[in-house]
């Protein structure tokens, strides 16, 4: 089992190709363009775009389909990751909202913040909502550089800071690749930590014939 590998430490040296087993959920916060995040996460995930459900889709049915290998599952062109618009991640009623579904399926959540004033409070609010609701929290990433020079999110945010998606034009192609590499490594490390404490589950692997 992948979770057993993670708890034993075997997963610690993972590469980008293993991100598909994390079955994570990307939640762009207010002010972040979901389509831009989808494109950037496609690069992070090695070319497999996250699946974006319809606005009125049933959260539990979507997650059940993603966890299955049945014909009802999303196209194999998509990976195991899910992209939610900000409003979709908020509660919509007891037993029928994304928060409840993510907690029930133990799908680890990645919050993506915008480079705008007040992003820290928004990230903290969503982080608290995840923790109180029992949703495994991968952490927070920036879409660009969402912090002032005097603010160190890794130290002061109070939530796991994973770095930045390489939004826009990076200074050099090498800098862009370094951003991608760093975020991949941080995502894998955080998932490994969550599995070590049995807070998260990976994507079920197909049964062998």
C-alpha atoms as a PDB file:
ATOM      1  CA  UNK A   1       0.000   0.000   0.000  1.00  0.00           C
ATOM      2  CA  UNK A   2       1.176   3.509  -0.806  1.00  0.00           C
ATOM      3  CA  UNK A   3       0.107   4.749   2.609  1.00  0.00           C
ATOM      4  CA  UNK A   4       2.262   2.059   4.217  1.00  0.00           C
ATOM      5  CA  UNK A   5       5.217   3.227   2.115  1.00  0.00           C
ATOM      6  CA  UNK A   6       4.659   6.756   3.280  1.00  0.00           C
ATOM      7  CA  UNK A   7       4.424   5.796   6.950  1.00  0.00           C
ATOM      8  CA  UNK A   8       7.589   3.700   6.695  1.00  0.00           C
ATOM      9  CA  UNK A   9       9.510   6.545   5.054  1.00  0.00           C
ATOM     10  CA  UNK A  10       9.978   4.830   1.687  1.00  0.00           C
ATOM     11  CA  UNK A  11       8.042   7.573  -0.061  1.00  0.00           C
ATOM     12  CA  UNK A  12      10.296  10.356   1.184  1.00  0.00           C
ATOM     13  CA  UNK A  13      12.523  10.353  -1.877  1.00  0.00           C
ATOM     14  CA  UNK A  14       9.630  10.517  -4.344  1.00  0.00           C
ATOM     15  CA  UNK A  15       9.675  12.260  -7.732  1.00  0.00           C
ATOM     16  CA  UNK A  16       7.053  14.240  -9.631  1.00  0.00           C
ATOM     17  CA  UNK A  17       5.737  11.064 -11.260  1.00  0.00           C
ATOM     18  CA  UNK A  18       4.403   9.915  -7.884  1.00  0.00           C
ATOM     19  CA  UNK A  19       2.221  13.009  -7.347  1.00  0.00           C
ATOM     20  CA  UNK A  20      -0.657  11.212  -9.055  1.00  0.00           C
ATOM     21  CA  UNK A  21      -1.198   8.930  -6.061  1.00  0.00           C
ATOM     22  CA  UNK A  22      -1.765  11.855  -3.702  1.00  0.00           C
ATOM     23  CA  UNK A  23      -5.279  12.460  -5.060  1.00  0.00           C
ATOM     24  CA  UNK A  24      -5.142  16.046  -3.858  1.00  0.00           C
ATOM     25  CA  UNK A  25      -7.641  18.879  -4.117  1.00  0.00           C
ATOM     26  CA  UNK A  26      -6.637  22.366  -5.275  1.00  0.00           C
ATOM     27  CA  UNK A  27      -8.690  25.256  -3.920  1.00  0.00           C
ATOM     28  CA  UNK A  28      -7.948  28.687  -5.443  1.00  0.00           C
ATOM     29  CA  UNK A  29      -8.767  31.397  -2.900  1.00  0.00           C
ATOM     30  CA  UNK A  30     -10.470  34.704  -3.644  1.00  0.00           C
ATOM     31  CA  UNK A  31      -8.767  36.642  -6.429  1.00  0.00           C
ATOM     32  CA  UNK A  32      -7.076  33.623  -7.991  1.00  0.00           C
ATOM     33  CA  UNK A  33      -8.046  32.621 -11.537  1.00  0.00           C
ATOM     34  CA  UNK A  34      -9.015  28.903 -11.396  1.00  0.00           C
ATOM     35  CA  UNK A  35      -8.119  28.393 -15.069  1.00  0.00           C
ATOM     36  CA  UNK A  36      -4.634  29.816 -14.550  1.00  0.00           C
ATOM     37  CA  UNK A  37      -4.164  27.578 -11.522  1.00  0.00           C
ATOM     38  CA  UNK A  38      -5.341  24.568 -13.548  1.00  0.00           C
ATOM     39  CA  UNK A  39      -2.747  25.316 -16.235  1.00  0.00           C
ATOM     40  CA  UNK A  40       0.059  25.773 -13.713  1.00  0.00           C
ATOM     41  CA  UNK A  41      -0.905  22.647 -11.759  1.00  0.00           C
ATOM     42  CA  UNK A  42      -0.879  20.703 -15.034  1.00  0.00           C
ATOM     43  CA  UNK A  43       2.835  21.529 -15.271  1.00  0.00           C
ATOM     44  CA  UNK A  44       3.395  20.592 -11.629  1.00  0.00           C
ATOM     45  CA  UNK A  45       1.612  17.274 -12.168  1.00  0.00           C
ATOM     46  CA  UNK A  46       3.684  16.362 -15.198  1.00  0.00           C
ATOM     47  CA  UNK A  47       1.137  17.199 -17.895  1.00  0.00           C
ATOM     48  CA  UNK A  48      -2.022  15.696 -16.392  1.00  0.00           C
ATOM     49  CA  UNK A  49      -4.571  18.455 -15.678  1.00  0.00           C
ATOM     50  CA  UNK A  50      -6.637  18.369 -12.493  1.00  0.00           C
ATOM     51  CA  UNK A  51     -10.277  17.412 -12.949  1.00  0.00           C
ATOM     52  CA  UNK A  52     -12.694  20.344 -12.553  1.00  0.00           C
ATOM     53  CA  UNK A  53     -16.239  19.254 -11.658  1.00  0.00           C
ATOM     54  CA  UNK A  54     -19.383  21.029 -12.775  1.00  0.00           C
ATOM     55  CA  UNK A  55     -20.660  23.713 -10.410  1.00  0.00           C
ATOM     56  CA  UNK A  56     -23.795  21.748  -9.497  1.00  0.00           C
ATOM     57  CA  UNK A  57     -22.064  18.347  -9.277  1.00  0.00           C
ATOM     58  CA  UNK A  58     -22.690  16.182  -6.228  1.00  0.00           C
ATOM     59  CA  UNK A  59     -19.427  16.240  -4.198  1.00  0.00           C
ATOM     60  CA  UNK A  60     -19.750  12.678  -2.922  1.00  0.00           C
ATOM     61  CA  UNK A  61     -20.465  11.264  -6.380  1.00  0.00           C
ATOM     62  CA  UNK A  62     -17.545  13.159  -7.909  1.00  0.00           C
ATOM     63  CA  UNK A  63     -15.099  11.872  -5.305  1.00  0.00           C
ATOM     64  CA  UNK A  64     -16.448   8.341  -5.532  1.00  0.00           C
ATOM     65  CA  UNK A  65     -15.985   8.405  -9.319  1.00  0.00           C
ATOM     66  CA  UNK A  66     -12.431   9.738  -9.005  1.00  0.00           C
ATOM     67  CA  UNK A  67     -11.590   6.936  -6.598  1.00  0.00           C
ATOM     68  CA  UNK A  68     -12.891   4.241  -8.929  1.00  0.00           C
ATOM     69  CA  UNK A  69     -11.742   2.600 -12.126  1.00  0.00           C
ATOM     70  CA  UNK A  70     -15.275   2.214 -13.488  1.00  0.00           C
ATOM     71  CA  UNK A  71     -16.587   3.689 -16.767  1.00  0.00           C
ATOM     72  CA  UNK A  72     -18.153   6.483 -14.671  1.00  0.00           C
ATOM     73  CA  UNK A  73     -14.710   7.703 -13.652  1.00  0.00           C
ATOM     74  CA  UNK A  74     -13.325  10.881 -15.282  1.00  0.00           C
ATOM     75  CA  UNK A  75     -11.268  10.591 -18.456  1.00  0.00           C
ATOM     76  CA  UNK A  76      -7.791   9.095 -17.987  1.00  0.00           C
ATOM     77  CA  UNK A  77      -6.488  12.289 -19.596  1.00  0.00           C
ATOM     78  CA  UNK A  78      -7.010  13.789 -16.164  1.00  0.00           C
ATOM     79  CA  UNK A  79      -4.991  12.793 -13.157  1.00  0.00           C
ATOM     80  CA  UNK A  80      -6.234  12.041  -9.670  1.00  0.00           C
ATOM     81  CA  UNK A  81      -6.242  15.703  -8.604  1.00  0.00           C
ATOM     82  CA  UNK A  82      -9.360  17.839  -8.324  1.00  0.00           C
ATOM     83  CA  UNK A  83      -9.731  21.604  -8.856  1.00  0.00           C
ATOM     84  CA  UNK A  84     -12.430  23.460  -6.930  1.00  0.00           C
ATOM     85  CA  UNK A  85     -13.519  27.050  -7.400  1.00  0.00           C
ATOM     86  CA  UNK A  86     -13.384  29.006  -4.135  1.00  0.00           C
ATOM     87  CA  UNK A  87     -17.143  29.117  -3.622  1.00  0.00           C
ATOM     88  CA  UNK A  88     -17.445  25.390  -4.252  1.00  0.00           C
ATOM     89  CA  UNK A  89     -15.205  24.642  -1.290  1.00  0.00           C
ATOM     90  CA  UNK A  90     -17.498  26.456   1.155  1.00  0.00           C
ATOM     91  CA  UNK A  91     -20.233  24.515   2.994  1.00  0.00           C
ATOM     92  CA  UNK A  92     -23.578  24.306   1.151  1.00  0.00           C
ATOM     93  CA  UNK A  93     -25.593  22.379   3.719  1.00  0.00           C
ATOM     94  CA  UNK A  94     -25.174  19.444   6.119  1.00  0.00           C
ATOM     95  CA  UNK A  95     -24.126  16.242   4.421  1.00  0.00           C
ATOM     96  CA  UNK A  96     -24.154  17.714   0.907  1.00  0.00           C
ATOM     97  CA  UNK A  97     -21.184  20.052   0.717  1.00  0.00           C
ATOM     98  CA  UNK A  98     -17.609  19.818  -0.478  1.00  0.00           C
ATOM     99  CA  UNK A  99     -16.203  20.212   3.024  1.00  0.00           C
ATOM    100  CA  UNK A 100     -18.054  17.152   4.270  1.00  0.00           C
ATOM    101  CA  UNK A 101     -17.132  15.153   1.161  1.00  0.00           C
ATOM    102  CA  UNK A 102     -13.421  16.012   1.341  1.00  0.00           C
ATOM    103  CA  UNK A 103     -13.333  15.032   5.000  1.00  0.00           C
ATOM    104  CA  UNK A 104     -15.202  11.785   4.368  1.00  0.00           C
ATOM    105  CA  UNK A 105     -12.846  10.773   1.539  1.00  0.00           C
ATOM    106  CA  UNK A 106      -9.792  12.161   3.374  1.00  0.00           C
ATOM    107  CA  UNK A 107      -8.722  14.102   0.298  1.00  0.00           C
ATOM    108  CA  UNK A 108      -5.748  16.374   1.102  1.00  0.00           C
ATOM    109  CA  UNK A 109      -6.337  20.060   0.355  1.00  0.00           C
ATOM    110  CA  UNK A 110      -3.976  22.574  -1.247  1.00  0.00           C
ATOM    111  CA  UNK A 111      -4.969  26.236  -0.852  1.00  0.00           C
ATOM    112  CA  UNK A 112      -3.692  28.642  -3.520  1.00  0.00           C
ATOM    113  CA  UNK A 113      -3.495  32.323  -2.544  1.00  0.00           C
ATOM    114  CA  UNK A 114      -3.334  35.432  -4.729  1.00  0.00           C
ATOM    115  CA  UNK A 115      -0.741  38.231  -4.494  1.00  0.00           C
ATOM    116  CA  UNK A 116      -3.135  40.721  -2.936  1.00  0.00           C
ATOM    117  CA  UNK A 117      -3.676  42.477   0.371  1.00  0.00           C
ATOM    118  CA  UNK A 118      -5.313  40.374   3.070  1.00  0.00           C
ATOM    119  CA  UNK A 119      -4.437  36.995   1.595  1.00  0.00           C
ATOM    120  CA  UNK A 120      -2.949  35.846   4.913  1.00  0.00           C
ATOM    121  CA  UNK A 121      -6.258  36.149   6.756  1.00  0.00           C
ATOM    122  CA  UNK A 122      -8.123  34.362   3.990  1.00  0.00           C
ATOM    123  CA  UNK A 123      -5.620  31.510   3.973  1.00  0.00           C
ATOM    124  CA  UNK A 124      -5.808  31.193   7.763  1.00  0.00           C
ATOM    125  CA  UNK A 125      -9.626  31.119   7.646  1.00  0.00           C
ATOM    126  CA  UNK A 126      -9.678  28.346   5.055  1.00  0.00           C
ATOM    127  CA  UNK A 127      -6.935  26.484   6.897  1.00  0.00           C
ATOM    128  CA  UNK A 128      -8.944  26.622  10.112  1.00  0.00           C
ATOM    129  CA  UNK A 129     -12.069  25.459   8.255  1.00  0.00           C
ATOM    130  CA  UNK A 130     -10.163  22.470   6.887  1.00  0.00           C
ATOM    131  CA  UNK A 131      -8.720  21.481  10.244  1.00  0.00           C
ATOM    132  CA  UNK A 132     -11.977  21.907  12.113  1.00  0.00           C
ATOM    133  CA  UNK A 133     -13.806  19.926   9.455  1.00  0.00           C
ATOM    134  CA  UNK A 134     -11.311  17.068   9.438  1.00  0.00           C
ATOM    135  CA  UNK A 135      -9.937  17.749   5.948  1.00  0.00           C
ATOM    136  CA  UNK A 136      -6.232  16.845   5.608  1.00  0.00           C
ATOM    137  CA  UNK A 137      -4.385  20.079   4.847  1.00  0.00           C
ATOM    138  CA  UNK A 138      -1.454  19.835   2.463  1.00  0.00           C
ATOM    139  CA  UNK A 139      -0.766  23.527   2.949  1.00  0.00           C
ATOM    140  CA  UNK A 140      -0.780  26.876   1.171  1.00  0.00           C
ATOM    141  CA  UNK A 141       0.921  27.865  -2.076  1.00  0.00           C
ATOM    142  CA  UNK A 142       1.085  31.262  -3.714  1.00  0.00           C
ATOM    143  CA  UNK A 143      -0.014  32.016  -7.253  1.00  0.00           C
ATOM    144  CA  UNK A 144       2.838  34.378  -7.868  1.00  0.00           C
ATOM    145  CA  UNK A 145       4.447  35.937  -4.815  1.00  0.00           C
ATOM    146  CA  UNK A 146       1.556  36.648  -2.404  1.00  0.00           C
ATOM    147  CA  UNK A 147       3.481  38.273   0.401  1.00  0.00           C
ATOM    148  CA  UNK A 148       5.209  41.526   1.181  1.00  0.00           C
ATOM    149  CA  UNK A 149       9.000  41.507   1.596  1.00  0.00           C
ATOM    150  CA  UNK A 150       8.659  41.894   5.366  1.00  0.00           C
ATOM    151  CA  UNK A 151       6.324  38.873   5.715  1.00  0.00           C
ATOM    152  CA  UNK A 152       7.796  35.364   5.750  1.00  0.00           C
ATOM    153  CA  UNK A 153       4.886  32.940   5.209  1.00  0.00           C
ATOM    154  CA  UNK A 154       6.987  29.916   6.097  1.00  0.00           C
ATOM    155  CA  UNK A 155       7.475  31.393   9.572  1.00  0.00           C
ATOM    156  CA  UNK A 156       4.526  33.727  10.175  1.00  0.00           C
ATOM    157  CA  UNK A 157       1.536  32.233   8.353  1.00  0.00           C
ATOM    158  CA  UNK A 158       0.869  29.490  10.893  1.00  0.00           C
ATOM    159  CA  UNK A 159       0.096  27.001   8.111  1.00  0.00           C
ATOM    160  CA  UNK A 160       2.371  24.766   6.026  1.00  0.00           C
ATOM    161  CA  UNK A 161       3.847  27.012   3.316  1.00  0.00           C
ATOM    162  CA  UNK A 162       4.740  25.101   0.147  1.00  0.00           C
ATOM    163  CA  UNK A 163       6.109  27.848  -2.075  1.00  0.00           C
ATOM    164  CA  UNK A 164       4.709  29.413  -5.247  1.00  0.00           C
ATOM    165  CA  UNK A 165       3.272  28.281  -8.527  1.00  0.00           C
ATOM    166  CA  UNK A 166       5.375  29.845 -11.287  1.00  0.00           C
ATOM    167  CA  UNK A 167       2.637  32.254 -12.409  1.00  0.00           C
ATOM    168  CA  UNK A 168       3.550  34.699 -15.143  1.00  0.00           C
ATOM    169  CA  UNK A 169       6.998  35.023 -16.638  1.00  0.00           C
ATOM    170  CA  UNK A 170       9.760  33.830 -14.340  1.00  0.00           C
ATOM    171  CA  UNK A 171      13.120  35.623 -14.579  1.00  0.00           C
ATOM    172  CA  UNK A 172      14.610  32.619 -16.361  1.00  0.00           C
ATOM    173  CA  UNK A 173      13.502  29.196 -17.533  1.00  0.00           C
ATOM    174  CA  UNK A 174      15.752  27.724 -14.866  1.00  0.00           C
ATOM    175  CA  UNK A 175      14.018  29.752 -12.139  1.00  0.00           C
ATOM    176  CA  UNK A 176      10.656  28.486 -13.356  1.00  0.00           C
ATOM    177  CA  UNK A 177      11.838  24.892 -13.258  1.00  0.00           C
ATOM    178  CA  UNK A 178      13.217  25.407  -9.770  1.00  0.00           C
ATOM    179  CA  UNK A 179       9.835  26.706  -8.611  1.00  0.00           C
ATOM    180  CA  UNK A 180       8.123  23.650 -10.084  1.00  0.00           C
ATOM    181  CA  UNK A 181      10.650  21.292  -8.521  1.00  0.00           C
ATOM    182  CA  UNK A 182      10.347  22.910  -5.107  1.00  0.00           C
ATOM    183  CA  UNK A 183       6.543  22.775  -5.085  1.00  0.00           C
ATOM    184  CA  UNK A 184       6.549  19.126  -6.192  1.00  0.00           C
ATOM    185  CA  UNK A 185       8.947  18.217  -3.420  1.00  0.00           C
ATOM    186  CA  UNK A 186       6.947  20.119  -0.803  1.00  0.00           C
ATOM    187  CA  UNK A 187       3.665  18.527  -1.908  1.00  0.00           C
ATOM    188  CA  UNK A 188       5.158  15.057  -1.691  1.00  0.00           C
ATOM    189  CA  UNK A 189       6.766  15.744   1.666  1.00  0.00           C
ATOM    190  CA  UNK A 190       3.560  17.133   3.169  1.00  0.00           C
ATOM    191  CA  UNK A 191       1.547  14.157   1.904  1.00  0.00           C
ATOM    192  CA  UNK A 192       4.143  11.831   3.406  1.00  0.00           C
ATOM    193  CA  UNK A 193       3.727  13.641   6.734  1.00  0.00           C
ATOM    194  CA  UNK A 194      -0.061  13.397   6.553  1.00  0.00           C
ATOM    195  CA  UNK A 195       0.113   9.674   5.824  1.00  0.00           C
ATOM    196  CA  UNK A 196       2.541   9.171   8.688  1.00  0.00           C
ATOM    197  CA  UNK A 197      -0.139  10.514  11.017  1.00  0.00           C
ATOM    198  CA  UNK A 198      -2.908   8.637   9.153  1.00  0.00           C
ATOM    199  CA  UNK A 199      -4.718  11.838   8.218  1.00  0.00           C
ATOM    200  CA  UNK A 200      -4.776  11.261   4.458  1.00  0.00           C
ATOM    201  CA  UNK A 201      -5.324   8.504   1.942  1.00  0.00           C
ATOM    202  CA  UNK A 202      -3.811   8.130  -1.504  1.00  0.00           C
ATOM    203  CA  UNK A 203      -5.543   7.159  -4.700  1.00  0.00           C
ATOM    204  CA  UNK A 204      -6.524   3.478  -4.668  1.00  0.00           C
ATOM    205  CA  UNK A 205      -4.322   1.425  -6.943  1.00  0.00           C
ATOM    206  CA  UNK A 206      -5.960  -0.935  -9.469  1.00  0.00           C
ATOM    207  CA  UNK A 207      -6.135  -4.563  -8.382  1.00  0.00           C
ATOM    208  CA  UNK A 208      -3.634  -6.817 -10.105  1.00  0.00           C
ATOM    209  CA  UNK A 209      -5.076  -9.458 -12.371  1.00  0.00           C
END
